[in-house]
């Protein structure tokens, strides 16, 4: 899923704001702080996605959810079960 969305646009806006910090030391510290927060942010995003998929699964089949999200049926099952791409490696 590569199309732009308001959420992705908001993240790109934050990145642009960070890149626009005039002082390079301040900019480096600010970017470092955000990078340090990424694992927790990813966990929160995965949890939000899992909850949404579980909610969809309450009224839709795996195949219907896969079609709605544009992903495979096995991936829907994995997301609903809490399996992330990083944990599959």
N, C-alpha and C. Protein backbone atom coordinates (compact mmCIF):
# COMPACT_ATOMS: atom_id res chain seq x y z
N UNK A 1 0.84 -1.17 0.00
CA UNK A 1 0.00 0.00 0.00
C UNK A 1 0.89 1.23 0.00
N UNK A 2 1.03 1.84 -1.18
CA UNK A 2 1.96 2.95 -1.30
C UNK A 2 1.27 4.28 -1.53
N UNK A 3 -0.05 4.28 -1.70
CA UNK A 3 -0.73 5.55 -1.95
C UNK A 3 -0.64 6.44 -0.71
N UNK A 4 -0.70 7.73 -0.98
CA UNK A 4 -0.63 8.69 0.12
C UNK A 4 -1.92 8.65 0.92
N UNK A 5 -1.81 8.93 2.18
CA UNK A 5 -2.98 9.02 3.05
C UNK A 5 -2.75 10.20 3.99
N UNK A 6 -3.81 10.68 4.61
CA UNK A 6 -3.63 11.78 5.57
C UNK A 6 -2.64 11.42 6.67
N UNK A 7 -2.64 10.17 7.13
CA UNK A 7 -1.71 9.77 8.19
C UNK A 7 -0.27 9.83 7.70
N UNK A 8 -0.03 9.32 6.50
CA UNK A 8 1.33 9.35 5.94
C UNK A 8 1.75 10.80 5.68
N UNK A 9 0.83 11.60 5.19
CA UNK A 9 1.13 13.02 4.96
C UNK A 9 1.50 13.72 6.27
N UNK A 10 0.82 13.37 7.36
CA UNK A 10 1.13 13.97 8.66
C UNK A 10 2.53 13.59 9.11
N UNK A 11 2.91 12.34 8.91
CA UNK A 11 4.26 11.90 9.29
C UNK A 11 5.30 12.60 8.43
N UNK A 12 5.01 12.73 7.14
CA UNK A 12 5.95 13.45 6.25
C UNK A 12 6.08 14.91 6.67
N UNK A 13 5.01 15.49 7.16
CA UNK A 13 5.04 16.87 7.63
C UNK A 13 5.95 16.99 8.86
N UNK A 14 5.87 16.02 9.76
CA UNK A 14 6.75 16.02 10.94
C UNK A 14 8.21 15.90 10.51
N UNK A 15 8.47 15.02 9.54
CA UNK A 15 9.84 14.87 9.04
C UNK A 15 10.34 16.18 8.44
N UNK A 16 9.48 16.83 7.66
CA UNK A 16 9.86 18.13 7.07
C UNK A 16 10.12 19.16 8.16
N UNK A 17 9.29 19.17 9.21
CA UNK A 17 9.50 20.09 10.33
C UNK A 17 10.85 19.83 11.00
N UNK A 18 11.17 18.56 11.19
CA UNK A 18 12.46 18.22 11.80
C UNK A 18 13.61 18.67 10.90
N UNK A 19 13.48 18.43 9.61
CA UNK A 19 14.54 18.80 8.66
C UNK A 19 14.72 20.31 8.58
N UNK A 20 13.69 21.06 8.95
CA UNK A 20 13.75 22.52 8.87
C UNK A 20 14.31 23.17 10.13
N UNK A 21 14.66 22.40 11.14
CA UNK A 21 15.26 22.98 12.35
C UNK A 21 16.59 23.58 11.95
N UNK A 22 16.77 24.88 12.15
CA UNK A 22 17.94 25.57 11.61
C UNK A 22 19.28 25.09 12.20
N UNK A 23 19.34 24.90 13.48
CA UNK A 23 20.61 24.52 14.11
C UNK A 23 20.84 23.02 13.91
N UNK A 24 21.97 22.64 13.28
CA UNK A 24 22.20 21.22 13.00
C UNK A 24 22.28 20.35 14.25
N UNK A 25 22.81 20.90 15.34
CA UNK A 25 22.88 20.11 16.58
C UNK A 25 21.48 19.88 17.14
N UNK A 26 20.67 20.93 17.16
CA UNK A 26 19.29 20.79 17.61
C UNK A 26 18.53 19.82 16.71
N UNK A 27 18.76 19.95 15.40
CA UNK A 27 18.10 19.07 14.43
C UNK A 27 18.49 17.62 14.67
N UNK A 28 19.77 17.37 14.86
CA UNK A 28 20.26 16.00 15.09
C UNK A 28 19.66 15.42 16.38
N UNK A 29 19.61 16.24 17.44
CA UNK A 29 19.02 15.76 18.70
C UNK A 29 17.53 15.46 18.53
N UNK A 30 16.83 16.34 17.85
CA UNK A 30 15.39 16.14 17.66
C UNK A 30 15.11 14.89 16.84
N UNK A 31 15.85 14.71 15.77
CA UNK A 31 15.67 13.51 14.94
C UNK A 31 16.04 12.26 15.74
N UNK A 32 17.10 12.33 16.51
CA UNK A 32 17.50 11.20 17.34
C UNK A 32 16.43 10.81 18.34
N UNK A 33 15.79 11.81 18.93
CA UNK A 33 14.69 11.55 19.88
C UNK A 33 13.55 10.81 19.19
N UNK A 34 13.21 11.26 17.99
CA UNK A 34 12.14 10.60 17.24
C UNK A 34 12.55 9.18 16.86
N UNK A 35 13.77 9.01 16.39
CA UNK A 35 14.24 7.67 16.02
C UNK A 35 14.22 6.73 17.22
N UNK A 36 14.58 7.24 18.38
CA UNK A 36 14.55 6.41 19.60
C UNK A 36 13.12 5.97 19.93
N UNK A 37 12.14 6.78 19.56
CA UNK A 37 10.74 6.46 19.87
C UNK A 37 10.11 5.53 18.85
N UNK A 38 10.76 5.31 17.71
CA UNK A 38 10.16 4.52 16.63
C UNK A 38 9.71 3.12 17.06
N UNK A 39 10.50 2.36 17.80
CA UNK A 39 10.01 1.01 18.18
C UNK A 39 8.69 1.05 18.94
N UNK A 40 8.54 1.97 19.89
CA UNK A 40 7.28 2.08 20.62
C UNK A 40 6.15 2.54 19.71
N UNK A 41 6.47 3.46 18.81
CA UNK A 41 5.45 3.93 17.87
C UNK A 41 4.99 2.81 16.96
N UNK A 42 5.93 1.99 16.49
CA UNK A 42 5.58 0.86 15.63
C UNK A 42 4.70 -0.12 16.38
N UNK A 43 5.01 -0.38 17.63
CA UNK A 43 4.19 -1.30 18.43
C UNK A 43 2.77 -0.76 18.56
N UNK A 44 2.64 0.53 18.78
CA UNK A 44 1.32 1.13 18.86
C UNK A 44 0.56 1.05 17.54
N UNK A 45 1.27 1.27 16.45
CA UNK A 45 0.64 1.16 15.13
C UNK A 45 0.19 -0.27 14.85
N UNK A 46 1.04 -1.24 15.20
CA UNK A 46 0.67 -2.65 14.99
C UNK A 46 -0.56 -3.01 15.82
N UNK A 47 -0.62 -2.53 17.05
CA UNK A 47 -1.77 -2.82 17.91
C UNK A 47 -3.04 -2.19 17.34
N UNK A 48 -2.95 -0.98 16.83
CA UNK A 48 -4.12 -0.32 16.24
C UNK A 48 -4.58 -1.06 14.99
N UNK A 49 -3.63 -1.51 14.18
CA UNK A 49 -3.99 -2.27 12.98
C UNK A 49 -4.63 -3.60 13.36
N UNK A 50 -4.05 -4.29 14.35
CA UNK A 50 -4.61 -5.57 14.79
C UNK A 50 -6.04 -5.39 15.28
N UNK A 51 -6.29 -4.37 16.07
CA UNK A 51 -7.63 -4.10 16.58
C UNK A 51 -8.61 -3.84 15.44
N UNK A 52 -8.17 -3.10 14.43
CA UNK A 52 -9.04 -2.81 13.28
C UNK A 52 -9.36 -4.08 12.50
N UNK A 53 -8.36 -4.93 12.31
CA UNK A 53 -8.57 -6.19 11.58
C UNK A 53 -9.50 -7.10 12.37
N UNK A 54 -9.31 -7.17 13.66
CA UNK A 54 -10.19 -8.00 14.51
C UNK A 54 -11.63 -7.46 14.42
N UNK A 55 -11.76 -6.15 14.42
CA UNK A 55 -13.09 -5.55 14.30
C UNK A 55 -13.73 -5.91 12.96
N UNK A 56 -12.95 -5.83 11.89
CA UNK A 56 -13.45 -6.22 10.57
C UNK A 56 -13.84 -7.70 10.54
N UNK A 57 -13.01 -8.52 11.17
CA UNK A 57 -13.25 -9.97 11.18
C UNK A 57 -14.53 -10.34 11.93
N UNK A 58 -15.02 -9.47 12.78
CA UNK A 58 -16.26 -9.76 13.51
C UNK A 58 -17.46 -9.83 12.56
N UNK A 59 -17.36 -9.18 11.40
CA UNK A 59 -18.50 -9.15 10.47
C UNK A 59 -18.13 -9.56 9.05
N UNK A 60 -16.85 -9.87 8.81
CA UNK A 60 -16.39 -10.20 7.46
C UNK A 60 -15.57 -11.49 7.50
N UNK A 61 -15.50 -12.18 6.37
CA UNK A 61 -14.64 -13.35 6.26
C UNK A 61 -13.20 -12.89 6.07
N UNK A 62 -12.28 -13.84 6.24
CA UNK A 62 -10.87 -13.54 5.98
C UNK A 62 -10.70 -13.02 4.56
N UNK A 63 -11.34 -13.67 3.61
CA UNK A 63 -11.21 -13.25 2.21
C UNK A 63 -11.76 -11.85 1.98
N UNK A 64 -12.87 -11.54 2.61
CA UNK A 64 -13.45 -10.20 2.46
C UNK A 64 -12.53 -9.14 3.06
N UNK A 65 -11.99 -9.42 4.22
CA UNK A 65 -11.06 -8.46 4.85
C UNK A 65 -9.81 -8.30 3.99
N UNK A 66 -9.29 -9.40 3.47
CA UNK A 66 -8.11 -9.34 2.60
C UNK A 66 -8.40 -8.45 1.39
N UNK A 67 -9.57 -8.62 0.80
CA UNK A 67 -9.95 -7.81 -0.36
C UNK A 67 -10.07 -6.34 0.01
N UNK A 68 -10.70 -6.06 1.13
CA UNK A 68 -10.88 -4.68 1.59
C UNK A 68 -9.52 -4.00 1.81
N UNK A 69 -8.59 -4.73 2.41
CA UNK A 69 -7.28 -4.15 2.77
C UNK A 69 -6.24 -4.29 1.66
N UNK A 70 -6.53 -5.10 0.66
CA UNK A 70 -5.57 -5.28 -0.43
C UNK A 70 -4.37 -6.10 -0.03
N UNK A 71 -4.58 -7.07 0.87
CA UNK A 71 -3.51 -7.96 1.32
C UNK A 71 -3.99 -9.39 1.20
N UNK A 72 -3.10 -10.33 1.43
CA UNK A 72 -3.46 -11.74 1.29
C UNK A 72 -4.26 -12.24 2.50
N UNK A 73 -5.00 -13.32 2.28
CA UNK A 73 -5.75 -13.95 3.36
C UNK A 73 -4.82 -14.39 4.50
N UNK A 74 -3.68 -15.05 4.19
CA UNK A 74 -2.78 -15.41 5.29
C UNK A 74 -2.28 -14.20 6.08
N UNK A 75 -2.05 -13.08 5.39
CA UNK A 75 -1.56 -11.89 6.09
C UNK A 75 -2.64 -11.35 7.03
N UNK A 76 -3.91 -11.38 6.60
CA UNK A 76 -5.00 -10.96 7.49
C UNK A 76 -5.00 -11.81 8.75
N UNK A 77 -4.86 -13.11 8.56
CA UNK A 77 -4.82 -14.02 9.71
C UNK A 77 -3.65 -13.71 10.63
N UNK A 78 -2.49 -13.44 10.03
CA UNK A 78 -1.31 -13.12 10.83
C UNK A 78 -1.51 -11.84 11.62
N UNK A 79 -2.04 -10.81 10.98
CA UNK A 79 -2.27 -9.53 11.66
C UNK A 79 -3.24 -9.72 12.82
N UNK A 80 -4.33 -10.44 12.57
CA UNK A 80 -5.32 -10.67 13.61
C UNK A 80 -4.72 -11.44 14.79
N UNK A 81 -3.73 -12.28 14.49
CA UNK A 81 -3.08 -13.08 15.53
C UNK A 81 -1.93 -12.33 16.20
N UNK A 82 -1.60 -11.15 15.70
CA UNK A 82 -0.52 -10.37 16.28
C UNK A 82 0.86 -10.68 15.73
N UNK A 83 0.91 -11.34 14.58
CA UNK A 83 2.21 -11.66 13.96
C UNK A 83 2.62 -10.48 13.08
N UNK A 84 3.78 -9.90 13.38
CA UNK A 84 4.27 -8.79 12.57
C UNK A 84 5.33 -9.29 11.61
N UNK A 85 5.61 -8.49 10.61
CA UNK A 85 6.65 -8.86 9.64
C UNK A 85 7.98 -9.09 10.33
N UNK A 86 8.32 -8.26 11.30
CA UNK A 86 9.60 -8.37 11.98
C UNK A 86 9.68 -9.64 12.83
N UNK A 87 8.54 -10.11 13.34
CA UNK A 87 8.58 -11.32 14.16
C UNK A 87 8.58 -12.59 13.32
N UNK A 88 8.34 -12.47 12.01
CA UNK A 88 8.34 -13.64 11.13
C UNK A 88 9.75 -13.99 10.69
N UNK A 89 10.71 -13.10 10.84
CA UNK A 89 12.07 -13.33 10.34
C UNK A 89 12.80 -14.30 11.22
